[in-house]
Amino acid sequence: KNVVAAGLADRCTIQLSYAIGVAKPLSIYVDTHGT
């Protein structure tokens, strides 16, 4: 929501991934769908 509000995209999907017992996310993925 903040990515879109910042004017960086009109649509934005974000994926986060985690492992049990591990603090930091394993991955951060962004798709702005061509916008």
ModelCIF file with pLDDT and N, C-alpha, C, O atoms, coordinates in Angstrom:
data_MODEL
#
_entry.id   MODEL 
#
_entity.id                         1 
_entity.type                       polymer 
_entity.pdbx_number_of_molecules   1 
#
_entity_poly.entity_id                      1 
_entity_poly.type                           'polypeptide(L)' 
_entity_poly.nstd_linkage                   no 
_entity_poly.nstd_monomer                   no 
_entity_poly.pdbx_seq_one_letter_code       KNVVAAGLADRCTIQLSYAIGVAKPLSIYVDTHGT 
_entity_poly.pdbx_seq_one_letter_code_can   KNVVAAGLADRCTIQLSYAIGVAKPLSIYVDTHGT 
_entity_poly.pdbx_strand_id                 A 
#
loop_
_entity_poly_seq.entity_id 
_entity_poly_seq.num 
_entity_poly_seq.mon_id 
_entity_poly_seq.hetero 
1 1  LYS n 
1 2  ASN n 
1 3  VAL n 
1 4  VAL n 
1 5  ALA n 
1 6  ALA n 
1 7  GLY n 
1 8  LEU n 
1 9  ALA n 
1 10 ASP n 
1 11 ARG n 
1 12 CYS n 
1 13 THR n 
1 14 ILE n 
1 15 GLN n 
1 16 LEU n 
1 17 SER n 
1 18 TYR n 
1 19 ALA n 
1 20 ILE n 
1 21 GLY n 
1 22 VAL n 
1 23 ALA n 
1 24 LYS n 
1 25 PRO n 
1 26 LEU n 
1 27 SER n 
1 28 ILE n 
1 29 TYR n 
1 30 VAL n 
1 31 ASP n 
1 32 THR n 
1 33 HIS n 
1 34 GLY n 
1 35 THR n 
#
_struct_asym.id          A 
_struct_asym.entity_id   1 
#
loop_
_ma_qa_metric.id 
_ma_qa_metric.mode 
_ma_qa_metric.name 
_ma_qa_metric.software_group_id 
_ma_qa_metric.type 
1 global pLDDT . pLDDT 
2 local  pLDDT . pLDDT 
#
_ma_qa_metric_global.metric_id      1 
_ma_qa_metric_global.metric_value   95.00 
_ma_qa_metric_global.model_id       1 
_ma_qa_metric_global.ordinal_id     1 
#
loop_
_ma_qa_metric_local.label_asym_id 
_ma_qa_metric_local.label_comp_id 
_ma_qa_metric_local.label_seq_id 
_ma_qa_metric_local.metric_id 
_ma_qa_metric_local.metric_value 
_ma_qa_metric_local.model_id 
_ma_qa_metric_local.ordinal_id 
A LYS 1  2 98.00 1 1  
A ASN 2  2 98.00 1 2  
A VAL 3  2 98.00 1 3  
A VAL 4  2 98.00 1 4  
A ALA 5  2 98.00 1 5  
A ALA 6  2 97.00 1 6  
A GLY 7  2 97.00 1 7  
A LEU 8  2 98.00 1 8  
A ALA 9  2 97.00 1 9  
A ASP 10 2 97.00 1 10 
A ARG 11 2 97.00 1 11 
A CYS 12 2 98.00 1 12 
A THR 13 2 98.00 1 13 
A ILE 14 2 98.00 1 14 
A GLN 15 2 98.00 1 15 
A LEU 16 2 97.00 1 16 
A SER 17 2 96.00 1 17 
A TYR 18 2 93.00 1 18 
A ALA 19 2 90.00 1 19 
A ILE 20 2 85.00 1 20 
A GLY 21 2 81.00 1 21 
A VAL 22 2 85.00 1 22 
A ALA 23 2 87.00 1 23 
A LYS 24 2 91.00 1 24 
A PRO 25 2 93.00 1 25 
A LEU 26 2 95.00 1 26 
A SER 27 2 96.00 1 27 
A ILE 28 2 97.00 1 28 
A TYR 29 2 98.00 1 29 
A VAL 30 2 98.00 1 30 
A ASP 31 2 98.00 1 31 
A THR 32 2 97.00 1 32 
A HIS 33 2 95.00 1 33 
A GLY 34 2 93.00 1 34 
A THR 35 2 95.00 1 35 
#
loop_
_atom_site.group_PDB 
_atom_site.id 
_atom_site.type_symbol 
_atom_site.label_atom_id 
_atom_site.label_alt_id 
_atom_site.label_comp_id 
_atom_site.label_asym_id 
_atom_site.label_entity_id 
_atom_site.label_seq_id 
_atom_site.pdbx_PDB_ins_code 
_atom_site.Cartn_x 
_atom_site.Cartn_y 
_atom_site.Cartn_z 
_atom_site.occupancy 
_atom_site.B_iso_or_equiv 
_atom_site.pdbx_formal_charge 
_atom_site.auth_seq_id 
_atom_site.auth_comp_id 
_atom_site.auth_asym_id 
_atom_site.auth_atom_id 
_atom_site.pdbx_PDB_model_num 
ATOM 1   N N  . LYS A 1 1  ? 0.827  -1.205  0.000   1.00 98.00 ? 1  LYS A N  1 
ATOM 2   C CA . LYS A 1 1  ? 0.000  0.000   0.000   1.00 98.00 ? 1  LYS A CA 1 
ATOM 3   C C  . LYS A 1 1  ? 0.861  1.255   0.000   1.00 98.00 ? 1  LYS A C  1 
ATOM 4   O O  . LYS A 1 1  ? 0.547  2.223   -0.692  1.00 98.00 ? 1  LYS A O  1 
ATOM 5   N N  . ASN A 1 2  ? 1.937  1.246   0.764   1.00 98.00 ? 2  ASN A N  1 
ATOM 6   C CA . ASN A 1 2  ? 2.809  2.409   0.817   1.00 98.00 ? 2  ASN A CA 1 
ATOM 7   C C  . ASN A 1 2  ? 3.632  2.577   -0.456  1.00 98.00 ? 2  ASN A C  1 
ATOM 8   O O  . ASN A 1 2  ? 3.953  3.704   -0.833  1.00 98.00 ? 2  ASN A O  1 
ATOM 9   N N  . VAL A 1 3  ? 3.979  1.489   -1.121  1.00 98.00 ? 3  VAL A N  1 
ATOM 10  C CA . VAL A 1 3  ? 4.645  1.576   -2.423  1.00 98.00 ? 3  VAL A CA 1 
ATOM 11  C C  . VAL A 1 3  ? 3.744  2.283   -3.429  1.00 98.00 ? 3  VAL A C  1 
ATOM 12  O O  . VAL A 1 3  ? 4.191  3.178   -4.146  1.00 98.00 ? 3  VAL A O  1 
ATOM 13  N N  . VAL A 1 4  ? 2.478  1.883   -3.481  1.00 98.00 ? 4  VAL A N  1 
ATOM 14  C CA . VAL A 1 4  ? 1.525  2.510   -4.398  1.00 98.00 ? 4  VAL A CA 1 
ATOM 15  C C  . VAL A 1 4  ? 1.284  3.962   -3.997  1.00 98.00 ? 4  VAL A C  1 
ATOM 16  O O  . VAL A 1 4  ? 1.261  4.844   -4.856  1.00 98.00 ? 4  VAL A O  1 
ATOM 17  N N  . ALA A 1 5  ? 1.105  4.219   -2.710  1.00 98.00 ? 5  ALA A N  1 
ATOM 18  C CA . ALA A 1 5  ? 0.874  5.586   -2.235  1.00 98.00 ? 5  ALA A CA 1 
ATOM 19  C C  . ALA A 1 5  ? 2.065  6.497   -2.521  1.00 98.00 ? 5  ALA A C  1 
ATOM 20  O O  . ALA A 1 5  ? 1.893  7.701   -2.711  1.00 98.00 ? 5  ALA A O  1 
ATOM 21  N N  . ALA A 1 6  ? 3.263  5.931   -2.551  1.00 97.00 ? 6  ALA A N  1 
ATOM 22  C CA . ALA A 1 6  ? 4.468  6.707   -2.842  1.00 97.00 ? 6  ALA A CA 1 
ATOM 23  C C  . ALA A 1 6  ? 4.599  7.060   -4.315  1.00 97.00 ? 6  ALA A C  1 
ATOM 24  O O  . ALA A 1 6  ? 5.500  7.804   -4.701  1.00 97.00 ? 6  ALA A O  1 
ATOM 25  N N  . GLY A 1 7  ? 3.695  6.522   -5.145  1.00 97.00 ? 7  GLY A N  1 
ATOM 26  C CA . GLY A 1 7  ? 3.750  6.806   -6.573  1.00 97.00 ? 7  GLY A CA 1 
ATOM 27  C C  . GLY A 1 7  ? 4.744  5.961   -7.340  1.00 97.00 ? 7  GLY A C  1 
ATOM 28  O O  . GLY A 1 7  ? 5.072  6.275   -8.485  1.00 97.00 ? 7  GLY A O  1 
ATOM 29  N N  . LEU A 1 8  ? 5.240  4.872   -6.716  1.00 98.00 ? 8  LEU A N  1 
ATOM 30  C CA . LEU A 1 8  ? 6.229  4.025   -7.369  1.00 98.00 ? 8  LEU A CA 1 
ATOM 31  C C  . LEU A 1 8  ? 5.592  3.001   -8.296  1.00 98.00 ? 8  LEU A C  1 
ATOM 32  O O  . LEU A 1 8  ? 6.278  2.422   -9.139  1.00 98.00 ? 8  LEU A O  1 
ATOM 33  N N  . ALA A 1 9  ? 4.285  2.768   -8.153  1.00 97.00 ? 9  ALA A N  1 
ATOM 34  C CA . ALA A 1 9  ? 3.569  1.825   -9.006  1.00 97.00 ? 9  ALA A CA 1 
ATOM 35  C C  . ALA A 1 9  ? 2.074  2.060   -8.841  1.00 97.00 ? 9  ALA A C  1 
ATOM 36  O O  . ALA A 1 9  ? 1.630  2.625   -7.841  1.00 97.00 ? 9  ALA A O  1 
ATOM 37  N N  . ASP A 1 10 ? 1.303  1.623   -9.832  1.00 97.00 ? 10 ASP A N  1 
ATOM 38  C CA . ASP A 1 10 ? -0.158 1.671   -9.723  1.00 97.00 ? 10 ASP A CA 1 
ATOM 39  C C  . ASP A 1 10 ? -0.716 0.369   -9.153  1.00 97.00 ? 10 ASP A C  1 
ATOM 40  O O  . ASP A 1 10 ? -1.820 0.343   -8.608  1.00 97.00 ? 10 ASP A O  1 
ATOM 41  N N  . ARG A 1 11 ? 0.049  -0.704  -9.281  1.00 97.00 ? 11 ARG A N  1 
ATOM 42  C CA . ARG A 1 11 ? -0.299 -1.998  -8.700  1.00 97.00 ? 11 ARG A CA 1 
ATOM 43  C C  . ARG A 1 11 ? 0.965  -2.614  -8.147  1.00 97.00 ? 11 ARG A C  1 
ATOM 44  O O  . ARG A 1 11 ? 2.035  -2.481  -8.742  1.00 97.00 ? 11 ARG A O  1 
ATOM 45  N N  . CYS A 1 12 ? 0.854  -3.283  -7.021  1.00 98.00 ? 12 CYS A N  1 
ATOM 46  C CA . CYS A 1 12 ? 2.042  -3.872  -6.413  1.00 98.00 ? 12 CYS A CA 1 
ATOM 47  C C  . CYS A 1 12 ? 1.681  -5.128  -5.637  1.00 98.00 ? 12 CYS A C  1 
ATOM 48  O O  . CYS A 1 12 ? 0.800  -5.101  -4.778  1.00 98.00 ? 12 CYS A O  1 
ATOM 49  N N  . THR A 1 13 ? 2.357  -6.221  -5.937  1.00 98.00 ? 13 THR A N  1 
ATOM 50  C CA . THR A 1 13 ? 2.274  -7.465  -5.181  1.00 98.00 ? 13 THR A CA 1 
ATOM 51  C C  . THR A 1 13 ? 3.609  -7.696  -4.498  1.00 98.00 ? 13 THR A C  1 
ATOM 52  O O  . THR A 1 13 ? 4.661  -7.569  -5.124  1.00 98.00 ? 13 THR A O  1 
ATOM 53  N N  . ILE A 1 14 ? 3.572  -8.033  -3.219  1.00 98.00 ? 14 ILE A N  1 
ATOM 54  C CA . ILE A 1 14 ? 4.781  -8.306  -2.450  1.00 98.00 ? 14 ILE A CA 1 
ATOM 55  C C  . ILE A 1 14 ? 4.675  -9.693  -1.831  1.00 98.00 ? 14 ILE A C  1 
ATOM 56  O O  . ILE A 1 14 ? 3.649  -10.042 -1.248  1.00 98.00 ? 14 ILE A O  1 
ATOM 57  N N  . GLN A 1 15 ? 5.737  -10.482 -1.958  1.00 98.00 ? 15 GLN A N  1 
ATOM 58  C CA . GLN A 1 15 ? 5.820  -11.776 -1.297  1.00 98.00 ? 15 GLN A CA 1 
ATOM 59  C C  . GLN A 1 15 ? 6.937  -11.747 -0.256  1.00 98.00 ? 15 GLN A C  1 
ATOM 60  O O  . GLN A 1 15 ? 8.039  -11.273 -0.532  1.00 98.00 ? 15 GLN A O  1 
ATOM 61  N N  . LEU A 1 16 ? 6.645  -12.256 0.942   1.00 97.00 ? 16 LEU A N  1 
ATOM 62  C CA . LEU A 1 16 ? 7.635  -12.482 1.990   1.00 97.00 ? 16 LEU A CA 1 
ATOM 63  C C  . LEU A 1 16 ? 7.643  -13.969 2.320   1.00 97.00 ? 16 LEU A C  1 
ATOM 64  O O  . LEU A 1 16 ? 6.602  -14.624 2.272   1.00 97.00 ? 16 LEU A O  1 
ATOM 65  N N  . SER A 1 17 ? 8.825  -14.507 2.656   1.00 96.00 ? 17 SER A N  1 
ATOM 66  C CA . SER A 1 17 ? 8.896  -15.917 3.029   1.00 96.00 ? 17 SER A CA 1 
ATOM 67  C C  . SER A 1 17 ? 9.707  -16.074 4.307   1.00 96.00 ? 17 SER A C  1 
ATOM 68  O O  . SER A 1 17 ? 10.626 -15.300 4.574   1.00 96.00 ? 17 SER A O  1 
ATOM 69  N N  . TYR A 1 18 ? 9.347  -17.099 5.100   1.00 93.00 ? 18 TYR A N  1 
ATOM 70  C CA . TYR A 1 18 ? 9.970  -17.323 6.407   1.00 93.00 ? 18 TYR A CA 1 
ATOM 71  C C  . TYR A 1 18 ? 10.187 -18.810 6.647   1.00 93.00 ? 18 TYR A C  1 
ATOM 72  O O  . TYR A 1 18 ? 9.527  -19.657 6.044   1.00 93.00 ? 18 TYR A O  1 
ATOM 73  N N  . ALA A 1 19 ? 11.141 -19.114 7.553   1.00 90.00 ? 19 ALA A N  1 
ATOM 74  C CA . ALA A 1 19 ? 11.368 -20.464 8.057   1.00 90.00 ? 19 ALA A CA 1 
ATOM 75  C C  . ALA A 1 19 ? 11.139 -20.471 9.552   1.00 90.00 ? 19 ALA A C  1 
ATOM 76  O O  . ALA A 1 19 ? 11.479 -19.498 10.225  1.00 90.00 ? 19 ALA A O  1 
ATOM 77  N N  . ILE A 1 20 ? 10.577 -21.534 10.091  1.00 85.00 ? 20 ILE A N  1 
ATOM 78  C CA . ILE A 1 20 ? 10.288 -21.606 11.512  1.00 85.00 ? 20 ILE A CA 1 
ATOM 79  C C  . ILE A 1 20 ? 11.568 -21.463 12.328  1.00 85.00 ? 20 ILE A C  1 
ATOM 80  O O  . ILE A 1 20 ? 12.578 -22.105 12.045  1.00 85.00 ? 20 ILE A O  1 
ATOM 81  N N  . GLY A 1 21 ? 11.504 -20.610 13.344  1.00 81.00 ? 21 GLY A N  1 
ATOM 82  C CA . GLY A 1 21 ? 12.631 -20.380 14.219  1.00 81.00 ? 21 GLY A CA 1 
ATOM 83  C C  . GLY A 1 21 ? 13.673 -19.412 13.686  1.00 81.00 ? 21 GLY A C  1 
ATOM 84  O O  . GLY A 1 21 ? 14.637 -19.101 14.386  1.00 81.00 ? 21 GLY A O  1 
ATOM 85  N N  . VAL A 1 22 ? 13.499 -18.926 12.454  1.00 85.00 ? 22 VAL A N  1 
ATOM 86  C CA . VAL A 1 22 ? 14.452 -18.002 11.821  1.00 85.00 ? 22 VAL A CA 1 
ATOM 87  C C  . VAL A 1 22 ? 13.812 -16.621 11.771  1.00 85.00 ? 22 VAL A C  1 
ATOM 88  O O  . VAL A 1 22 ? 12.649 -16.489 11.392  1.00 85.00 ? 22 VAL A O  1 
ATOM 89  N N  . ALA A 1 23 ? 14.560 -15.597 12.150  1.00 87.00 ? 23 ALA A N  1 
ATOM 90  C CA . ALA A 1 23 ? 13.986 -14.260 12.285  1.00 87.00 ? 23 ALA A CA 1 
ATOM 91  C C  . ALA A 1 23 ? 13.817 -13.542 10.945  1.00 87.00 ? 23 ALA A C  1 
ATOM 92  O O  . ALA A 1 23 ? 12.723 -13.092 10.606  1.00 87.00 ? 23 ALA A O  1 
ATOM 93  N N  . LYS A 1 24 ? 14.890 -13.444 10.204  1.00 91.00 ? 24 LYS A N  1 
ATOM 94  C CA . LYS A 1 24 ? 14.845 -12.645 8.975   1.00 91.00 ? 24 LYS A CA 1 
ATOM 95  C C  . LYS A 1 24 ? 14.107 -13.385 7.865   1.00 91.00 ? 24 LYS A C  1 
ATOM 96  O O  . LYS A 1 24 ? 14.195 -14.609 7.761   1.00 91.00 ? 24 LYS A O  1 
ATOM 97  N N  . PRO A 1 25 ? 13.381 -12.638 7.036   1.00 93.00 ? 25 PRO A N  1 
ATOM 98  C CA . PRO A 1 25 ? 12.703 -13.293 5.910   1.00 93.00 ? 25 PRO A CA 1 
ATOM 99  C C  . PRO A 1 25 ? 13.718 -13.916 4.955   1.00 93.00 ? 25 PRO A C  1 
ATOM 100 O O  . PRO A 1 25 ? 14.811 -13.382 4.766   1.00 93.00 ? 25 PRO A O  1 
ATOM 101 N N  . LEU A 1 26 ? 13.353 -15.034 4.360   1.00 95.00 ? 26 LEU A N  1 
ATOM 102 C CA . LEU A 1 26 ? 14.227 -15.709 3.408   1.00 95.00 ? 26 LEU A CA 1 
ATOM 103 C C  . LEU A 1 26 ? 14.278 -14.962 2.080   1.00 95.00 ? 26 LEU A C  1 
ATOM 104 O O  . LEU A 1 26 ? 15.285 -15.005 1.372   1.00 95.00 ? 26 LEU A O  1 
ATOM 105 N N  . SER A 1 27 ? 13.184 -14.276 1.747   1.00 96.00 ? 27 SER A N  1 
ATOM 106 C CA . SER A 1 27 ? 13.136 -13.551 0.484   1.00 96.00 ? 27 SER A CA 1 
ATOM 107 C C  . SER A 1 27 ? 12.113 -12.430 0.552   1.00 96.00 ? 27 SER A C  1 
ATOM 108 O O  . SER A 1 27 ? 11.140 -12.489 1.303   1.00 96.00 ? 27 SER A O  1 
ATOM 109 N N  . ILE A 1 28 ? 12.363 -11.403 -0.259  1.00 97.00 ? 28 ILE A N  1 
ATOM 110 C CA . ILE A 1 28 ? 11.422 -10.306 -0.483  1.00 97.00 ? 28 ILE A CA 1 
ATOM 111 C C  . ILE A 1 28 ? 11.263 -10.175 -1.997  1.00 97.00 ? 28 ILE A C  1 
ATOM 112 O O  . ILE A 1 28 ? 12.245 -9.974  -2.712  1.00 97.00 ? 28 ILE A O  1 
ATOM 113 N N  . TYR A 1 29 ? 10.047 -10.286 -2.475  1.00 98.00 ? 29 TYR A N  1 
ATOM 114 C CA . TYR A 1 29 ? 9.783  -10.234 -3.912  1.00 98.00 ? 29 TYR A CA 1 
ATOM 115 C C  . TYR A 1 29 ? 8.742  -9.165  -4.197  1.00 98.00 ? 29 TYR A C  1 
ATOM 116 O O  . TYR A 1 29 ? 7.738  -9.069  -3.491  1.00 98.00 ? 29 TYR A O  1 
ATOM 117 N N  . VAL A 1 30 ? 8.975  -8.359  -5.230  1.00 98.00 ? 30 VAL A N  1 
ATOM 118 C CA . VAL A 1 30 ? 8.057  -7.290  -5.618  1.00 98.00 ? 30 VAL A CA 1 
ATOM 119 C C  . VAL A 1 30 ? 7.696  -7.452  -7.094  1.00 98.00 ? 30 VAL A C  1 
ATOM 120 O O  . VAL A 1 30 ? 8.574  -7.663  -7.931  1.00 98.00 ? 30 VAL A O  1 
ATOM 121 N N  . ASP A 1 31 ? 6.422  -7.356  -7.406  1.00 98.00 ? 31 ASP A N  1 
ATOM 122 C CA . ASP A 1 31 ? 5.926  -7.348  -8.784  1.00 98.00 ? 31 ASP A CA 1 
ATOM 123 C C  . ASP A 1 31 ? 5.009  -6.146  -8.937  1.00 98.00 ? 31 ASP A C  1 
ATOM 124 O O  . ASP A 1 31 ? 3.993  -6.052  -8.249  1.00 98.00 ? 31 ASP A O  1 
ATOM 125 N N  . THR A 1 32 ? 5.350  -5.235  -9.822  1.00 97.00 ? 32 THR A N  1 
ATOM 126 C CA . THR A 1 32 ? 4.513  -4.060  -10.070 1.00 97.00 ? 32 THR A CA 1 
ATOM 127 C C  . THR A 1 32 ? 3.669  -4.202  -11.336 1.00 97.00 ? 32 THR A C  1 
ATOM 128 O O  . THR A 1 32 ? 3.041  -3.237  -11.772 1.00 97.00 ? 32 THR A O  1 
ATOM 129 N N  . HIS A 1 33 ? 3.649  -5.383  -11.921 1.00 95.00 ? 33 HIS A N  1 
ATOM 130 C CA . HIS A 1 33 ? 2.737  -5.715  -13.012 1.00 95.00 ? 33 HIS A CA 1 
ATOM 131 C C  . HIS A 1 33 ? 2.831  -4.741  -14.191 1.00 95.00 ? 33 HIS A C  1 
ATOM 132 O O  . HIS A 1 33 ? 1.831  -4.412  -14.830 1.00 95.00 ? 33 HIS A O  1 
ATOM 133 N N  . GLY A 1 34 ? 4.054  -4.293  -14.459 1.00 93.00 ? 34 GLY A N  1 
ATOM 134 C CA . GLY A 1 34 ? 4.253  -3.388  -15.579 1.00 93.00 ? 34 GLY A CA 1 
ATOM 135 C C  . GLY A 1 34 ? 3.856  -1.954  -15.315 1.00 93.00 ? 34 GLY A C  1 
ATOM 136 O O  . GLY A 1 34 ? 3.893  -1.127  -16.226 1.00 93.00 ? 34 GLY A O  1 
ATOM 137 N N  . THR A 1 35 ? 3.471  -1.635  -14.069 1.00 95.00 ? 35 THR A N  1 
ATOM 138 C CA . THR A 1 35 ? 3.049  -0.266  -13.734 1.00 95.00 ? 35 THR A CA 1 
ATOM 139 C C  . THR A 1 35 ? 4.112  0.492   -12.952 1.00 95.00 ? 35 THR A C  1 
ATOM 140 O O  . THR A 1 35 ? 3.907  1.653   -12.597 1.00 95.00 ? 35 THR A O  1 
#
